[in-house]
Structure formats: structure tokens, C-alpha cells
PDB file of all heavy atoms in Angstrom:
ATOM      1  N   MET A   1       8.291 -13.468 -13.267  1.00  0.00           N
ATOM      2  CA  MET A   1       8.530 -14.292 -12.091  1.00  0.00           C
ATOM      3  C   MET A   1       7.263 -15.021 -11.679  1.00  0.00           C
ATOM      4  O   MET A   1       7.200 -16.254 -11.418  1.00  0.00           O
ATOM      5  CB  MET A   1       9.100 -13.450 -10.924  1.00  0.00           C
ATOM      6  CG  MET A   1       9.185 -14.188  -9.575  1.00  0.00           C
ATOM      7  SD  MET A   1       7.705 -14.159  -8.576  1.00  0.00           S
ATOM      8  CE  MET A   1       7.411 -12.421  -8.299  1.00  0.00           C
ATOM      9  N   LYS A   2       6.212 -14.214 -11.576  1.00  0.00           N
ATOM     10  CA  LYS A   2       4.874 -14.772 -11.218  1.00  0.00           C
ATOM     11  C   LYS A   2       4.447 -15.968 -12.091  1.00  0.00           C
ATOM     12  O   LYS A   2       3.864 -16.920 -11.684  1.00  0.00           O
ATOM     13  CB  LYS A   2       3.852 -13.701 -11.143  1.00  0.00           C
ATOM     14  CG  LYS A   2       2.384 -14.111 -11.007  1.00  0.00           C
ATOM     15  CD  LYS A   2       1.489 -12.945 -11.147  1.00  0.00           C
ATOM     16  CE  LYS A   2      -0.022 -13.383 -11.220  1.00  0.00           C
ATOM     17  NZ  LYS A   2      -0.319 -14.050 -12.492  1.00  0.00           N
ATOM     18  N   ASP A   3       4.674 -15.836 -13.437  1.00  0.00           N
ATOM     19  CA  ASP A   3       4.184 -16.808 -14.393  1.00  0.00           C
ATOM     20  C   ASP A   3       5.026 -17.977 -14.591  1.00  0.00           C
ATOM     21  O   ASP A   3       4.756 -18.897 -15.368  1.00  0.00           O
ATOM     22  CB  ASP A   3       3.938 -16.103 -15.698  1.00  0.00           C
ATOM     23  CG  ASP A   3       2.817 -15.031 -15.636  1.00  0.00           C
ATOM     24  OD1 ASP A   3       1.964 -15.111 -14.817  1.00  0.00           O
ATOM     25  OD2 ASP A   3       2.816 -14.139 -16.452  1.00  0.00           O
ATOM     26  N   ASN A   4       6.216 -18.003 -13.929  1.00  0.00           N
ATOM     27  CA  ASN A   4       7.138 -19.104 -14.033  1.00  0.00           C
ATOM     28  C   ASN A   4       6.460 -20.389 -13.422  1.00  0.00           C
ATOM     29  O   ASN A   4       5.923 -20.265 -12.366  1.00  0.00           O
ATOM     30  CB  ASN A   4       8.486 -18.810 -13.405  1.00  0.00           C
ATOM     31  CG  ASN A   4       9.549 -19.807 -13.640  1.00  0.00           C
ATOM     32  OD1 ASN A   4       9.441 -20.970 -13.249  1.00  0.00           O
ATOM     33  ND2 ASN A   4      10.564 -19.438 -14.374  1.00  0.00           N
ATOM     34  N   PRO A   5       6.580 -21.529 -14.022  1.00  0.00           N
ATOM     35  CA  PRO A   5       5.917 -22.696 -13.442  1.00  0.00           C
ATOM     36  C   PRO A   5       6.537 -23.122 -12.150  1.00  0.00           C
ATOM     37  O   PRO A   5       5.822 -23.899 -11.390  1.00  0.00           O
ATOM     38  CB  PRO A   5       6.178 -23.779 -14.549  1.00  0.00           C
ATOM     39  CG  PRO A   5       7.253 -23.207 -15.405  1.00  0.00           C
ATOM     40  CD  PRO A   5       7.116 -21.780 -15.380  1.00  0.00           C
ATOM     41  N   LEU A   6       7.644 -22.696 -11.660  1.00  0.00           N
ATOM     42  CA  LEU A   6       8.264 -23.013 -10.514  1.00  0.00           C
ATOM     43  C   LEU A   6       7.762 -22.138  -9.339  1.00  0.00           C
ATOM     44  O   LEU A   6       8.018 -22.330  -8.225  1.00  0.00           O
ATOM     45  CB  LEU A   6       9.795 -22.895 -10.469  1.00  0.00           C
ATOM     46  CG  LEU A   6      10.507 -23.990 -11.349  1.00  0.00           C
ATOM     47  CD1 LEU A   6      12.016 -23.648 -11.409  1.00  0.00           C
ATOM     48  CD2 LEU A   6      10.350 -25.412 -10.690  1.00  0.00           C
ATOM     49  N   THR A   7       7.022 -21.050  -9.710  1.00  0.00           N
ATOM     50  CA  THR A   7       6.591 -20.055  -8.729  1.00  0.00           C
ATOM     51  C   THR A   7       5.168 -20.279  -8.277  1.00  0.00           C
ATOM     52  O   THR A   7       4.287 -20.624  -9.101  1.00  0.00           O
ATOM     53  CB  THR A   7       6.701 -18.612  -9.338  1.00  0.00           C
ATOM     54  OG1 THR A   7       8.003 -18.412  -9.736  1.00  0.00           O
ATOM     55  CG2 THR A   7       6.210 -17.593  -8.371  1.00  0.00           C
ATOM     56  N   THR A   8       4.964 -20.181  -6.996  1.00  0.00           N
ATOM     57  CA  THR A   8       3.640 -20.128  -6.348  1.00  0.00           C
ATOM     58  C   THR A   8       3.574 -18.783  -5.720  1.00  0.00           C
ATOM     59  O   THR A   8       4.347 -18.397  -4.824  1.00  0.00           O
ATOM     60  CB  THR A   8       3.479 -21.237  -5.268  1.00  0.00           C
ATOM     61  OG1 THR A   8       3.654 -22.485  -5.912  1.00  0.00           O
ATOM     62  CG2 THR A   8       2.133 -21.173  -4.610  1.00  0.00           C
ATOM     63  N   LEU A   9       2.486 -18.023  -6.071  1.00  0.00           N
ATOM     64  CA  LEU A   9       2.240 -16.635  -5.590  1.00  0.00           C
ATOM     65  C   LEU A   9       1.188 -16.724  -4.547  1.00  0.00           C
ATOM     66  O   LEU A   9       0.028 -17.228  -4.832  1.00  0.00           O
ATOM     67  CB  LEU A   9       1.913 -15.655  -6.705  1.00  0.00           C
ATOM     68  CG  LEU A   9       1.591 -14.219  -6.143  1.00  0.00           C
ATOM     69  CD1 LEU A   9       2.853 -13.581  -5.608  1.00  0.00           C
ATOM     70  CD2 LEU A   9       1.031 -13.365  -7.306  1.00  0.00           C
ATOM     71  N   LEU A  10       1.377 -16.216  -3.266  1.00  0.00           N
ATOM     72  CA  LEU A  10       0.448 -16.262  -2.265  1.00  0.00           C
ATOM     73  C   LEU A  10       0.158 -14.840  -1.807  1.00  0.00           C
ATOM     74  O   LEU A  10       1.152 -14.066  -1.542  1.00  0.00           O
ATOM     75  CB  LEU A  10       0.938 -17.153  -1.091  1.00  0.00           C
ATOM     76  CG  LEU A  10       1.276 -18.541  -1.359  1.00  0.00           C
ATOM     77  CD1 LEU A  10       2.151 -19.141  -0.323  1.00  0.00           C
ATOM     78  CD2 LEU A  10       0.015 -19.352  -1.525  1.00  0.00           C
ATOM     79  N   ILE A  11      -1.108 -14.448  -1.717  1.00  0.00           N
ATOM     80  CA  ILE A  11      -1.433 -13.106  -1.380  1.00  0.00           C
ATOM     81  C   ILE A  11      -2.069 -13.019   0.058  1.00  0.00           C
ATOM     82  O   ILE A  11      -3.080 -13.736   0.252  1.00  0.00           O
ATOM     83  CB  ILE A  11      -2.429 -12.548  -2.430  1.00  0.00           C
ATOM     84  CG1 ILE A  11      -1.835 -12.613  -3.871  1.00  0.00           C
ATOM     85  CG2 ILE A  11      -2.976 -11.181  -2.145  1.00  0.00           C
ATOM     86  CD1 ILE A  11      -2.699 -12.435  -5.042  1.00  0.00           C
ATOM     87  N   MET A  12      -1.513 -12.215   0.822  1.00  0.00           N
ATOM     88  CA  MET A  12      -1.771 -12.310   2.306  1.00  0.00           C
ATOM     89  C   MET A  12      -3.270 -12.142   2.567  1.00  0.00           C
ATOM     90  O   MET A  12      -3.830 -12.908   3.408  1.00  0.00           O
ATOM     91  CB  MET A  12      -0.949 -11.342   3.076  1.00  0.00           C
ATOM     92  CG  MET A  12      -1.029 -11.512   4.593  1.00  0.00           C
ATOM     93  SD  MET A  12       0.285 -10.614   5.467  1.00  0.00           S
ATOM     94  CE  MET A  12      -0.296  -8.921   5.216  1.00  0.00           C
ATOM     95  N   PRO A  13      -3.957 -11.156   2.069  1.00  0.00           N
ATOM     96  CA  PRO A  13      -5.390 -10.945   2.419  1.00  0.00           C
ATOM     97  C   PRO A  13      -6.281 -12.154   2.013  1.00  0.00           C
ATOM     98  O   PRO A  13      -7.226 -12.502   2.643  1.00  0.00           O
ATOM     99  CB  PRO A  13      -5.793  -9.736   1.639  1.00  0.00           C
ATOM    100  CG  PRO A  13      -4.551  -8.959   1.342  1.00  0.00           C
ATOM    101  CD  PRO A  13      -3.514 -10.031   1.193  1.00  0.00           C
ATOM    102  N   GLN A  14      -5.805 -12.899   0.970  1.00  0.00           N
ATOM    103  CA  GLN A  14      -6.645 -14.018   0.539  1.00  0.00           C
ATOM    104  C   GLN A  14      -6.239 -15.230   1.420  1.00  0.00           C
ATOM    105  O   GLN A  14      -7.179 -16.102   1.621  1.00  0.00           O
ATOM    106  CB  GLN A  14      -6.223 -14.402  -0.924  1.00  0.00           C
ATOM    107  CG  GLN A  14      -6.658 -13.265  -1.960  1.00  0.00           C
ATOM    108  CD  GLN A  14      -6.355 -13.738  -3.373  1.00  0.00           C
ATOM    109  OE1 GLN A  14      -6.006 -14.818  -3.697  1.00  0.00           O
ATOM    110  NE2 GLN A  14      -6.436 -12.735  -4.298  1.00  0.00           N
ATOM    111  N   GLU A  15      -5.030 -15.367   1.905  1.00  0.00           N
ATOM    112  CA  GLU A  15      -4.633 -16.498   2.642  1.00  0.00           C
ATOM    113  C   GLU A  15      -4.939 -16.357   4.139  1.00  0.00           C
ATOM    114  O   GLU A  15      -5.278 -17.310   4.785  1.00  0.00           O
ATOM    115  CB  GLU A  15      -3.130 -16.716   2.472  1.00  0.00           C
ATOM    116  CG  GLU A  15      -2.629 -16.957   1.033  1.00  0.00           C
ATOM    117  CD  GLU A  15      -3.216 -18.275   0.484  1.00  0.00           C
ATOM    118  OE1 GLU A  15      -3.412 -19.216   1.208  1.00  0.00           O
ATOM    119  OE2 GLU A  15      -3.485 -18.259  -0.794  1.00  0.00           O
ATOM    120  N   LEU A  16      -4.781 -15.184   4.670  1.00  0.00           N
ATOM    121  CA  LEU A  16      -4.911 -14.872   6.136  1.00  0.00           C
ATOM    122  C   LEU A  16      -6.087 -14.069   6.494  1.00  0.00           C
ATOM    123  O   LEU A  16      -6.398 -13.886   7.626  1.00  0.00           O
ATOM    124  CB  LEU A  16      -3.614 -14.237   6.708  1.00  0.00           C
ATOM    125  CG  LEU A  16      -2.259 -14.932   6.446  1.00  0.00           C
ATOM    126  CD1 LEU A  16      -1.195 -14.201   7.159  1.00  0.00           C
ATOM    127  CD2 LEU A  16      -2.397 -16.425   6.924  1.00  0.00           C
ATOM    128  N   GLY A  17      -6.830 -13.472   5.467  1.00  0.00           N
ATOM    129  CA  GLY A  17      -7.814 -12.571   5.726  1.00  0.00           C
ATOM    130  C   GLY A  17      -7.359 -11.100   5.947  1.00  0.00           C
ATOM    131  O   GLY A  17      -6.051 -10.908   5.797  1.00  0.00           O
ATOM    132  N   PRO A  18      -8.181 -10.146   6.071  1.00  0.00           N
ATOM    133  CA  PRO A  18      -7.739  -8.722   6.188  1.00  0.00           C
ATOM    134  C   PRO A  18      -6.818  -8.547   7.347  1.00  0.00           C
ATOM    135  O   PRO A  18      -6.899  -9.204   8.386  1.00  0.00           O
ATOM    136  CB  PRO A  18      -9.020  -8.012   6.339  1.00  0.00           C
ATOM    137  CG  PRO A  18     -10.139  -8.918   5.953  1.00  0.00           C
ATOM    138  CD  PRO A  18      -9.652 -10.326   6.154  1.00  0.00           C
ATOM    139  N   THR A  19      -5.880  -7.661   7.193  1.00  0.00           N
ATOM    140  CA  THR A  19      -5.000  -7.305   8.300  1.00  0.00           C
ATOM    141  C   THR A  19      -5.735  -6.619   9.451  1.00  0.00           C
ATOM    142  O   THR A  19      -6.463  -5.710   9.119  1.00  0.00           O
ATOM    143  CB  THR A  19      -3.795  -6.315   7.809  1.00  0.00           C
ATOM    144  OG1 THR A  19      -3.123  -7.045   6.735  1.00  0.00           O
ATOM    145  CG2 THR A  19      -2.967  -5.995   8.943  1.00  0.00           C
ATOM    146  N   PRO A  20      -5.631  -7.089  10.633  1.00  0.00           N
ATOM    147  CA  PRO A  20      -6.320  -6.452  11.733  1.00  0.00           C
ATOM    148  C   PRO A  20      -6.000  -4.993  11.870  1.00  0.00           C
ATOM    149  O   PRO A  20      -4.882  -4.534  11.491  1.00  0.00           O
ATOM    150  CB  PRO A  20      -5.857  -7.250  12.981  1.00  0.00           C
ATOM    151  CG  PRO A  20      -5.400  -8.543  12.414  1.00  0.00           C
ATOM    152  CD  PRO A  20      -4.916  -8.346  11.064  1.00  0.00           C
ATOM    153  N   ASP A  21      -6.915  -4.227  12.367  1.00  0.00           N
ATOM    154  CA  ASP A  21      -6.836  -2.756  12.321  1.00  0.00           C
ATOM    155  C   ASP A  21      -5.503  -2.240  13.001  1.00  0.00           C
ATOM    156  O   ASP A  21      -4.943  -1.334  12.491  1.00  0.00           O
ATOM    157  CB  ASP A  21      -8.068  -2.047  13.098  1.00  0.00           C
ATOM    158  CG  ASP A  21      -9.340  -2.269  12.361  1.00  0.00           C
ATOM    159  OD1 ASP A  21      -9.297  -2.575  11.160  1.00  0.00           O
ATOM    160  OD2 ASP A  21     -10.348  -2.238  12.941  1.00  0.00           O
ATOM    161  N   LYS A  22      -5.104  -2.848  14.095  1.00  0.00           N
ATOM    162  CA  LYS A  22      -3.903  -2.284  14.813  1.00  0.00           C
ATOM    163  C   LYS A  22      -2.603  -3.015  14.384  1.00  0.00           C
ATOM    164  O   LYS A  22      -1.571  -2.824  14.942  1.00  0.00           O
ATOM    165  CB  LYS A  22      -4.117  -2.499  16.252  1.00  0.00           C
ATOM    166  CG  LYS A  22      -5.295  -1.522  16.823  1.00  0.00           C
ATOM    167  CD  LYS A  22      -5.343  -1.562  18.276  1.00  0.00           C
ATOM    168  CE  LYS A  22      -6.492  -0.668  18.840  1.00  0.00           C
ATOM    169  NZ  LYS A  22      -6.589  -0.734  20.247  1.00  0.00           N
ATOM    170  N   ALA A  23      -2.700  -3.955  13.421  1.00  0.00           N
ATOM    171  CA  ALA A  23      -1.514  -4.718  12.946  1.00  0.00           C
ATOM    172  C   ALA A  23      -0.894  -4.028  11.746  1.00  0.00           C
ATOM    173  O   ALA A  23      -1.640  -3.416  10.925  1.00  0.00           O
ATOM    174  CB  ALA A  23      -1.912  -6.144  12.676  1.00  0.00           C
ATOM    175  N   ASN A  24       0.440  -4.031  11.681  1.00  0.00           N
ATOM    176  CA  ASN A  24       1.151  -3.528  10.561  1.00  0.00           C
ATOM    177  C   ASN A  24       1.336  -4.618   9.455  1.00  0.00           C
ATOM    178  O   ASN A  24       1.726  -5.685   9.726  1.00  0.00           O
ATOM    179  CB  ASN A  24       2.524  -3.085  10.921  1.00  0.00           C
ATOM    180  CG  ASN A  24       3.299  -2.498   9.796  1.00  0.00           C
ATOM    181  OD1 ASN A  24       3.845  -3.199   8.928  1.00  0.00           O
ATOM    182  ND2 ASN A  24       3.400  -1.150   9.739  1.00  0.00           N
ATOM    183  N   PRO A  25       0.850  -4.385   8.228  1.00  0.00           N
ATOM    184  CA  PRO A  25       0.851  -5.424   7.152  1.00  0.00           C
ATOM    185  C   PRO A  25       2.255  -5.907   6.878  1.00  0.00           C
ATOM    186  O   PRO A  25       2.422  -7.121   6.496  1.00  0.00           O
ATOM    187  CB  PRO A  25       0.176  -4.781   6.000  1.00  0.00           C
ATOM    188  CG  PRO A  25       0.332  -3.329   6.219  1.00  0.00           C
ATOM    189  CD  PRO A  25       0.284  -3.115   7.681  1.00  0.00           C
ATOM    190  N   TYR A  26       3.263  -5.109   6.980  1.00  0.00           N
ATOM    191  CA  TYR A  26       4.628  -5.512   6.633  1.00  0.00           C
ATOM    192  C   TYR A  26       5.161  -6.380   7.747  1.00  0.00           C
ATOM    193  O   TYR A  26       5.924  -7.411   7.523  1.00  0.00           O
ATOM    194  CB  TYR A  26       5.480  -4.317   6.430  1.00  0.00           C
ATOM    195  CG  TYR A  26       5.082  -3.476   5.222  1.00  0.00           C
ATOM    196  CD1 TYR A  26       4.404  -2.252   5.440  1.00  0.00           C
ATOM    197  CD2 TYR A  26       5.259  -3.926   3.960  1.00  0.00           C
ATOM    198  CE1 TYR A  26       3.948  -1.462   4.335  1.00  0.00           C
ATOM    199  CE2 TYR A  26       4.833  -3.193   2.916  1.00  0.00           C
ATOM    200  CZ  TYR A  26       4.147  -2.020   3.043  1.00  0.00           C
ATOM    201  OH  TYR A  26       3.741  -1.195   1.928  1.00  0.00           O
ATOM    202  N   VAL A  27       4.932  -6.070   9.061  1.00  0.00           N
ATOM    203  CA  VAL A  27       5.349  -6.882  10.131  1.00  0.00           C
ATOM    204  C   VAL A  27       4.631  -8.226  10.053  1.00  0.00           C
ATOM    205  O   VAL A  27       5.159  -9.400  10.182  1.00  0.00           O
ATOM    206  CB  VAL A  27       5.021  -6.268  11.494  1.00  0.00           C
ATOM    207  CG1 VAL A  27       5.224  -7.224  12.649  1.00  0.00           C
ATOM    208  CG2 VAL A  27       5.838  -5.006  11.693  1.00  0.00           C
ATOM    209  N   ARG A  28       3.331  -8.211   9.724  1.00  0.00           N
ATOM    210  CA  ARG A  28       2.530  -9.413   9.548  1.00  0.00           C
ATOM    211  C   ARG A  28       3.126 -10.275   8.437  1.00  0.00           C
ATOM    212  O   ARG A  28       3.204 -11.477   8.576  1.00  0.00           O
ATOM    213  CB  ARG A  28       1.068  -9.012   9.264  1.00  0.00           C
ATOM    214  CG  ARG A  28       0.143 -10.195   9.279  1.00  0.00           C
ATOM    215  CD  ARG A  28      -1.316  -9.712   8.802  1.00  0.00           C
ATOM    216  NE  ARG A  28      -2.295 -10.714   9.106  1.00  0.00           N
ATOM    217  CZ  ARG A  28      -3.439 -10.860   8.339  1.00  0.00           C
ATOM    218  NH1 ARG A  28      -3.642 -10.063   7.265  1.00  0.00           N
ATOM    219  NH2 ARG A  28      -4.368 -11.740   8.661  1.00  0.00           N
ATOM    220  N   SER A  29       3.465  -9.717   7.317  1.00  0.00           N
ATOM    221  CA  SER A  29       3.992 -10.426   6.192  1.00  0.00           C
ATOM    222  C   SER A  29       5.380 -11.001   6.501  1.00  0.00           C
ATOM    223  O   SER A  29       5.561 -12.216   6.168  1.00  0.00           O
ATOM    224  CB  SER A  29       4.095  -9.447   4.971  1.00  0.00           C
ATOM    225  OG  SER A  29       4.560 -10.197   3.859  1.00  0.00           O
TER     226      SER A  29
END
């Protein structure tokens, strides 16, 4: 899926920075 030319993969820590200490990464995502 990742390597399909129609796919763009975005990784949250790279796009938004580290998840704040008191935030839940799944809620944030």
C-alpha cells in the first residue's frame, strides 16, 4: 500500500512534531 504511486504516507511526529506529554497520540491522530 505504502509503495503504490497513488499513496502518500504521512507520519505524525514528522508532520506535527512530538506528541505533547499529556496528549493521547491516537486522539491526536
